[in-house]
């Protein structure tokens, strides 16, 4: 990290604290203590940190990208109700990266996100609670 080290440090700390935040979550968190930071600065630095491999970008279909400070290869779970992301502790399957080329494509890497309802949002855990 050469430029904007202070901003990148703030953003990285926010990602550690917030656990799989989207860019808007990071901006809201950082701007509380540093109101002069712009949303564009946060977005630009998140992209740069992800592109440089310092954080992991998690693409969520039909939703905002989320970010993870854990850059080791692992899988995620996305809750369809609260839209939170969680790490899933199952072994990462390197075999998927070694599948023979299909239709001319060569697989370099893969990501996998499971979708469903987390334990906090599951109806059986919300007896008597209104959403």
N, C-alpha and C. Protein backbone atom coordinates (compact mmCIF):
# COMPACT_ATOMS: atom_id res chain seq x y z
N UNK A 1 0.85 -1.17 0.00
CA UNK A 1 0.00 0.00 0.00
C UNK A 1 0.89 1.23 0.00
N UNK A 2 0.79 2.01 -1.03
CA UNK A 2 1.64 3.17 -1.16
C UNK A 2 0.90 4.45 -0.83
N UNK A 3 -0.24 4.67 -1.47
CA UNK A 3 -1.02 5.88 -1.25
C UNK A 3 -2.15 5.62 -0.28
N UNK A 4 -2.60 6.68 0.37
CA UNK A 4 -3.76 6.61 1.25
C UNK A 4 -3.64 5.54 2.33
N UNK A 5 -2.44 5.40 2.88
CA UNK A 5 -2.22 4.37 3.89
C UNK A 5 -3.16 4.54 5.07
N UNK A 6 -3.37 5.79 5.51
CA UNK A 6 -4.24 6.05 6.65
C UNK A 6 -5.67 5.60 6.35
N UNK A 7 -6.19 5.97 5.18
CA UNK A 7 -7.55 5.58 4.81
C UNK A 7 -7.66 4.06 4.68
N UNK A 8 -6.67 3.44 4.08
CA UNK A 8 -6.73 1.97 3.92
C UNK A 8 -6.66 1.26 5.26
N UNK A 9 -5.89 1.82 6.18
CA UNK A 9 -5.83 1.25 7.52
C UNK A 9 -7.19 1.35 8.19
N UNK A 10 -7.84 2.51 8.11
CA UNK A 10 -9.18 2.68 8.68
C UNK A 10 -10.17 1.70 8.07
N UNK A 11 -10.12 1.55 6.77
CA UNK A 11 -11.05 0.68 6.05
C UNK A 11 -10.80 -0.78 6.43
N UNK A 12 -9.55 -1.17 6.49
CA UNK A 12 -9.22 -2.54 6.88
C UNK A 12 -9.67 -2.83 8.30
N UNK A 13 -9.47 -1.89 9.20
CA UNK A 13 -9.93 -2.06 10.59
C UNK A 13 -11.45 -2.19 10.64
N UNK A 14 -12.15 -1.41 9.82
CA UNK A 14 -13.61 -1.49 9.78
C UNK A 14 -14.07 -2.87 9.31
N UNK A 15 -13.39 -3.42 8.31
CA UNK A 15 -13.76 -4.74 7.81
C UNK A 15 -13.55 -5.80 8.90
N UNK A 16 -12.47 -5.69 9.66
CA UNK A 16 -12.23 -6.62 10.77
C UNK A 16 -13.35 -6.51 11.80
N UNK A 17 -13.72 -5.30 12.13
CA UNK A 17 -14.71 -5.08 13.18
C UNK A 17 -16.11 -5.50 12.74
N UNK A 18 -16.48 -5.16 11.50
CA UNK A 18 -17.85 -5.35 11.03
C UNK A 18 -18.15 -6.76 10.54
N UNK A 19 -17.15 -7.51 10.10
CA UNK A 19 -17.34 -8.88 9.66
C UNK A 19 -18.25 -9.00 8.43
N UNK A 20 -17.66 -9.03 7.27
CA UNK A 20 -18.33 -9.16 5.97
C UNK A 20 -19.22 -7.97 5.61
N UNK A 21 -18.75 -6.76 5.80
CA UNK A 21 -19.60 -5.61 5.48
C UNK A 21 -19.66 -5.33 3.98
N UNK A 22 -20.69 -4.60 3.58
CA UNK A 22 -20.72 -4.05 2.23
C UNK A 22 -20.04 -2.68 2.30
N UNK A 23 -19.83 -2.06 1.16
CA UNK A 23 -19.12 -0.78 1.11
C UNK A 23 -19.85 0.30 1.91
N UNK A 24 -21.17 0.33 1.84
CA UNK A 24 -21.92 1.33 2.60
C UNK A 24 -21.74 1.16 4.10
N UNK A 25 -21.66 -0.10 4.57
CA UNK A 25 -21.41 -0.36 5.99
C UNK A 25 -20.04 0.17 6.40
N UNK A 26 -19.04 -0.07 5.55
CA UNK A 26 -17.69 0.40 5.84
C UNK A 26 -17.67 1.92 5.89
N UNK A 27 -18.31 2.56 4.92
CA UNK A 27 -18.35 4.02 4.90
C UNK A 27 -19.02 4.56 6.16
N UNK A 28 -20.17 4.01 6.54
CA UNK A 28 -20.89 4.48 7.73
C UNK A 28 -20.02 4.35 8.98
N UNK A 29 -19.32 3.25 9.09
CA UNK A 29 -18.47 3.01 10.26
C UNK A 29 -17.29 3.98 10.30
N UNK A 30 -16.59 4.12 9.18
CA UNK A 30 -15.39 4.96 9.12
C UNK A 30 -15.76 6.44 9.26
N UNK A 31 -16.86 6.84 8.65
CA UNK A 31 -17.22 8.27 8.66
C UNK A 31 -17.66 8.75 10.04
N UNK A 32 -18.03 7.85 10.94
CA UNK A 32 -18.39 8.25 12.30
C UNK A 32 -17.19 8.89 13.00
N UNK A 33 -16.03 8.29 12.85
CA UNK A 33 -14.84 8.82 13.51
C UNK A 33 -14.02 9.74 12.62
N UNK A 34 -14.25 9.69 11.31
CA UNK A 34 -13.52 10.52 10.35
C UNK A 34 -14.51 11.07 9.32
N UNK A 35 -15.30 12.08 9.73
CA UNK A 35 -16.36 12.59 8.85
C UNK A 35 -15.87 13.20 7.54
N UNK A 36 -14.60 13.51 7.45
CA UNK A 36 -14.09 14.11 6.21
C UNK A 36 -13.81 13.08 5.11
N UNK A 37 -13.83 11.80 5.46
CA UNK A 37 -13.58 10.78 4.43
C UNK A 37 -14.81 10.69 3.52
N UNK A 38 -14.57 10.62 2.24
CA UNK A 38 -15.68 10.56 1.28
C UNK A 38 -16.06 9.12 0.97
N UNK A 39 -17.29 8.96 0.52
CA UNK A 39 -17.76 7.64 0.10
C UNK A 39 -16.93 7.13 -1.07
N UNK A 40 -16.56 8.03 -1.98
CA UNK A 40 -15.73 7.65 -3.14
C UNK A 40 -14.38 7.12 -2.68
N UNK A 41 -13.80 7.73 -1.66
CA UNK A 41 -12.51 7.26 -1.12
C UNK A 41 -12.65 5.85 -0.57
N UNK A 42 -13.73 5.60 0.16
CA UNK A 42 -13.95 4.27 0.72
C UNK A 42 -14.12 3.25 -0.40
N UNK A 43 -14.97 3.55 -1.36
CA UNK A 43 -15.22 2.62 -2.47
C UNK A 43 -13.93 2.34 -3.26
N UNK A 44 -13.20 3.40 -3.56
CA UNK A 44 -11.96 3.25 -4.34
C UNK A 44 -10.93 2.40 -3.58
N UNK A 45 -10.80 2.64 -2.28
CA UNK A 45 -9.83 1.89 -1.50
C UNK A 45 -10.26 0.44 -1.29
N UNK A 46 -11.55 0.20 -1.14
CA UNK A 46 -12.02 -1.19 -1.05
C UNK A 46 -11.67 -1.95 -2.33
N UNK A 47 -11.92 -1.32 -3.46
CA UNK A 47 -11.60 -1.96 -4.75
C UNK A 47 -10.11 -2.23 -4.86
N UNK A 48 -9.29 -1.26 -4.48
CA UNK A 48 -7.83 -1.42 -4.57
C UNK A 48 -7.35 -2.51 -3.61
N UNK A 49 -7.84 -2.51 -2.39
CA UNK A 49 -7.45 -3.54 -1.42
C UNK A 49 -7.83 -4.94 -1.92
N UNK A 50 -9.03 -5.06 -2.51
CA UNK A 50 -9.47 -6.35 -3.04
C UNK A 50 -8.63 -6.75 -4.26
N UNK A 51 -8.40 -5.81 -5.16
CA UNK A 51 -7.61 -6.10 -6.36
C UNK A 51 -6.18 -6.52 -6.01
N UNK A 52 -5.64 -5.93 -4.94
CA UNK A 52 -4.27 -6.25 -4.52
C UNK A 52 -4.19 -7.49 -3.63
N UNK A 53 -5.35 -8.09 -3.30
CA UNK A 53 -5.37 -9.32 -2.51
C UNK A 53 -5.24 -9.11 -1.01
N UNK A 54 -5.45 -7.87 -0.52
CA UNK A 54 -5.36 -7.61 0.91
C UNK A 54 -6.66 -7.93 1.63
N UNK A 55 -7.77 -7.89 0.90
CA UNK A 55 -9.07 -8.29 1.42
C UNK A 55 -9.75 -9.12 0.33
N UNK A 56 -10.81 -9.80 0.71
CA UNK A 56 -11.55 -10.63 -0.22
C UNK A 56 -12.87 -9.94 -0.58
N UNK A 57 -13.16 -9.82 -1.87
CA UNK A 57 -14.45 -9.30 -2.33
C UNK A 57 -15.37 -10.50 -2.53
N UNK A 58 -16.54 -10.42 -1.94
CA UNK A 58 -17.53 -11.49 -2.07
C UNK A 58 -18.69 -10.93 -2.87
N UNK A 59 -18.88 -11.47 -4.04
CA UNK A 59 -19.96 -10.99 -4.91
C UNK A 59 -21.26 -11.68 -4.51
N UNK A 60 -22.28 -10.88 -4.31
CA UNK A 60 -23.60 -11.39 -3.92
C UNK A 60 -24.55 -11.10 -5.07
N UNK A 61 -25.07 -12.13 -5.72
CA UNK A 61 -26.02 -11.89 -6.82
C UNK A 61 -27.20 -11.04 -6.35
N UNK A 62 -27.56 -10.08 -7.16
CA UNK A 62 -28.67 -9.17 -6.86
C UNK A 62 -28.48 -8.40 -5.57
N UNK A 63 -27.23 -8.19 -5.18
CA UNK A 63 -26.95 -7.45 -3.96
C UNK A 63 -25.59 -6.79 -4.04
N UNK A 64 -25.27 -6.05 -3.02
CA UNK A 64 -23.99 -5.36 -2.95
C UNK A 64 -22.87 -6.34 -2.65
N UNK A 65 -21.69 -6.05 -3.19
CA UNK A 65 -20.51 -6.84 -2.84
C UNK A 65 -20.23 -6.65 -1.35
N UNK A 66 -19.71 -7.70 -0.74
CA UNK A 66 -19.28 -7.65 0.65
C UNK A 66 -17.78 -7.90 0.68
N UNK A 67 -17.16 -7.61 1.83
CA UNK A 67 -15.71 -7.72 1.94
C UNK A 67 -15.34 -8.50 3.18
N UNK A 68 -14.24 -9.24 3.07
CA UNK A 68 -13.78 -10.13 4.13
C UNK A 68 -12.30 -9.91 4.35
N UNK A 69 -11.89 -9.79 5.60
CA UNK A 69 -10.47 -9.64 5.91
C UNK A 69 -9.75 -10.98 5.85
N UNK A 70 -10.50 -12.07 5.93
CA UNK A 70 -9.88 -13.40 5.84
C UNK A 70 -9.71 -13.73 4.35
N UNK A 71 -8.47 -13.77 3.91
CA UNK A 71 -8.23 -13.96 2.48
C UNK A 71 -7.90 -15.41 2.13
N UNK A 72 -7.84 -16.28 3.15
CA UNK A 72 -7.62 -17.69 2.82
C UNK A 72 -8.86 -18.22 2.10
N UNK A 73 -8.69 -19.29 1.37
CA UNK A 73 -9.80 -19.84 0.57
C UNK A 73 -10.81 -20.51 1.50
N UNK A 74 -12.04 -20.00 1.41
CA UNK A 74 -13.12 -20.54 2.23
C UNK A 74 -14.46 -20.17 1.60
N UNK A 75 -15.52 -20.76 2.13
CA UNK A 75 -16.85 -20.57 1.59
C UNK A 75 -17.70 -19.69 2.52
N UNK A 76 -18.82 -19.22 1.96
CA UNK A 76 -19.70 -18.32 2.71
C UNK A 76 -21.15 -18.76 2.63
N UNK A 77 -21.93 -18.24 3.58
CA UNK A 77 -23.38 -18.43 3.62
C UNK A 77 -24.00 -17.04 3.63
N UNK A 78 -24.99 -16.81 2.73
CA UNK A 78 -25.70 -15.53 2.65
C UNK A 78 -27.13 -15.74 3.08
N UNK A 79 -27.56 -15.00 4.11
CA UNK A 79 -28.93 -15.14 4.60
C UNK A 79 -29.87 -14.33 3.71
N UNK A 80 -30.90 -14.98 3.20
CA UNK A 80 -31.87 -14.33 2.33
C UNK A 80 -32.77 -13.35 3.07
N UNK A 81 -32.80 -13.44 4.39
CA UNK A 81 -33.65 -12.54 5.20
C UNK A 81 -32.90 -11.29 5.64
N UNK A 82 -31.82 -11.47 6.39
CA UNK A 82 -31.09 -10.32 6.95
C UNK A 82 -29.93 -9.87 6.06
N UNK A 83 -29.61 -10.65 5.05
CA UNK A 83 -28.57 -10.35 4.06
C UNK A 83 -27.16 -10.33 4.64
N UNK A 84 -26.98 -10.92 5.81
CA UNK A 84 -25.64 -11.03 6.38
C UNK A 84 -24.90 -12.19 5.72
N UNK A 85 -23.58 -12.08 5.73
CA UNK A 85 -22.71 -13.14 5.23
C UNK A 85 -21.98 -13.77 6.41
N UNK A 86 -21.80 -15.06 6.34
CA UNK A 86 -21.11 -15.82 7.38
C UNK A 86 -20.08 -16.74 6.73
N UNK A 87 -18.99 -16.98 7.43
CA UNK A 87 -18.03 -17.99 6.98
C UNK A 87 -18.62 -19.36 7.24
N UNK A 88 -18.37 -20.29 6.35
CA UNK A 88 -18.80 -21.68 6.52
C UNK A 88 -17.54 -22.51 6.70
N UNK A 89 -17.52 -23.28 7.74
CA UNK A 89 -16.34 -24.08 8.06
C UNK A 89 -16.43 -25.47 7.43
N UNK A 90 -16.30 -25.50 6.13
CA UNK A 90 -16.18 -26.77 5.43
C UNK A 90 -14.90 -26.70 4.61
N UNK A 91 -14.28 -27.84 4.36
CA UNK A 91 -13.00 -27.81 3.63
C UNK A 91 -13.15 -27.21 2.23
N UNK A 92 -12.19 -26.38 1.87
CA UNK A 92 -12.14 -25.79 0.54
C UNK A 92 -11.72 -26.89 -0.42
N UNK A 93 -12.42 -27.03 -1.53
CA UNK A 93 -12.17 -28.11 -2.47
C UNK A 93 -11.32 -27.62 -3.64
N UNK A 94 -10.02 -27.87 -3.58
CA UNK A 94 -9.10 -27.48 -4.66
C UNK A 94 -9.41 -28.22 -5.96
N UNK A 95 -10.08 -29.37 -5.85
CA UNK A 95 -10.40 -30.17 -7.03
C UNK A 95 -11.18 -29.36 -8.07
N UNK A 96 -12.05 -28.46 -7.60
CA UNK A 96 -12.83 -27.66 -8.54
C UNK A 96 -11.94 -26.81 -9.43
N UNK A 97 -10.79 -26.41 -8.93
CA UNK A 97 -9.86 -25.60 -9.72
C UNK A 97 -9.10 -26.43 -10.76
N UNK A 98 -9.20 -27.74 -10.66
CA UNK A 98 -8.44 -28.62 -11.55
C UNK A 98 -9.33 -29.34 -12.56
N UNK A 99 -10.59 -28.95 -12.63
CA UNK A 99 -11.50 -29.56 -13.59
C UNK A 99 -11.00 -29.26 -15.00
N UNK A 100 -11.08 -30.25 -15.87
CA UNK A 100 -10.65 -30.05 -17.26
C UNK A 100 -11.40 -28.88 -17.88
N UNK A 101 -10.75 -28.18 -18.76
CA UNK A 101 -11.42 -27.03 -19.41
C UNK A 101 -12.74 -27.45 -20.05
N UNK A 102 -13.75 -26.64 -19.82
CA UNK A 102 -15.08 -26.88 -20.36
C UNK A 102 -15.38 -25.75 -21.34
N UNK A 103 -15.74 -26.13 -22.56
CA UNK A 103 -16.10 -25.13 -23.57
C UNK A 103 -15.01 -24.07 -23.75
N UNK A 104 -13.76 -24.47 -23.60
CA UNK A 104 -12.66 -23.54 -23.81
C UNK A 104 -12.28 -22.70 -22.60
N UNK A 105 -13.01 -22.84 -21.48
CA UNK A 105 -12.71 -22.08 -20.28
C UNK A 105 -11.68 -22.81 -19.44
N UNK A 106 -10.77 -22.08 -18.86
CA UNK A 106 -9.80 -22.64 -17.92
C UNK A 106 -10.10 -22.06 -16.56
N UNK A 107 -10.31 -22.91 -15.58
CA UNK A 107 -10.66 -22.47 -14.23
C UNK A 107 -9.38 -22.13 -13.47
N UNK A 108 -9.31 -20.90 -12.98
CA UNK A 108 -8.17 -20.47 -12.16
C UNK A 108 -8.50 -20.48 -10.68
N UNK A 109 -9.75 -20.26 -10.36
CA UNK A 109 -10.16 -20.14 -8.98
C UNK A 109 -11.68 -20.28 -8.92
N UNK A 110 -12.22 -20.50 -7.75
CA UNK A 110 -13.67 -20.56 -7.61
C UNK A 110 -14.07 -19.99 -6.25
N UNK A 111 -15.32 -19.56 -6.19
CA UNK A 111 -15.90 -19.13 -4.91
C UNK A 111 -17.28 -19.75 -4.83
N UNK A 112 -17.72 -19.96 -3.64
CA UNK A 112 -19.01 -20.61 -3.45
C UNK A 112 -19.71 -19.95 -2.28
N UNK A 113 -20.92 -19.49 -2.51
CA UNK A 113 -21.73 -18.90 -1.45
C UNK A 113 -23.05 -19.65 -1.39
N UNK A 114 -23.35 -20.18 -0.22
CA UNK A 114 -24.62 -20.86 0.00
C UNK A 114 -25.65 -19.81 0.39
N UNK A 115 -26.89 -20.01 -0.02
CA UNK A 115 -27.97 -19.10 0.33
C UNK A 115 -29.02 -19.85 1.13
N UNK A 116 -29.66 -19.14 2.03
CA UNK A 116 -30.72 -19.72 2.84
C UNK A 116 -31.10 -18.77 3.96
N UNK A 117 -31.54 -19.33 5.08
CA UNK A 117 -31.97 -18.55 6.23
C UNK A 117 -31.04 -18.88 7.40
N UNK A 118 -30.45 -17.85 7.98
CA UNK A 118 -29.54 -18.07 9.12
C UNK A 118 -30.33 -18.45 10.36
N UNK A 119 -29.62 -18.91 11.38
CA UNK A 119 -30.29 -19.38 12.59
C UNK A 119 -31.02 -18.25 13.32
N UNK A 120 -30.56 -17.01 13.21
CA UNK A 120 -31.25 -15.89 13.86
C UNK A 120 -32.55 -15.53 13.15
N UNK A 121 -32.60 -15.74 11.85
CA UNK A 121 -33.80 -15.38 11.07
C UNK A 121 -34.77 -16.54 10.90
N UNK A 122 -34.35 -17.74 11.20
CA UNK A 122 -35.21 -18.91 11.00
C UNK A 122 -36.46 -18.77 11.86
N UNK A 123 -37.63 -19.01 11.27
CA UNK A 123 -38.90 -18.83 12.00
C UNK A 123 -38.97 -19.57 13.34
N UNK A 124 -38.34 -20.72 13.44
CA UNK A 124 -38.41 -21.48 14.70
C UNK A 124 -37.66 -20.77 15.82
N UNK A 125 -36.79 -19.84 15.48
CA UNK A 125 -36.05 -19.09 16.49
C UNK A 125 -36.68 -17.73 16.78
N UNK A 126 -37.80 -17.43 16.14
CA UNK A 126 -38.42 -16.11 16.30
C UNK A 126 -39.85 -16.20 16.86
N UNK A 127 -40.10 -17.18 17.67
CA UNK A 127 -41.45 -17.36 18.22
C UNK A 127 -41.82 -16.14 19.06
N UNK A 128 -42.93 -15.55 18.70
CA UNK A 128 -43.41 -14.39 19.45
C UNK A 128 -42.74 -13.08 19.05
N UNK A 129 -41.80 -13.11 18.15
CA UNK A 129 -41.13 -11.88 17.73
C UNK A 129 -41.74 -11.40 16.43
N UNK A 130 -41.86 -10.10 16.31
CA UNK A 130 -42.34 -9.51 15.06
C UNK A 130 -41.15 -8.97 14.30
N UNK A 131 -41.19 -9.11 12.97
CA UNK A 131 -40.12 -8.57 12.15
C UNK A 131 -40.46 -7.17 11.73
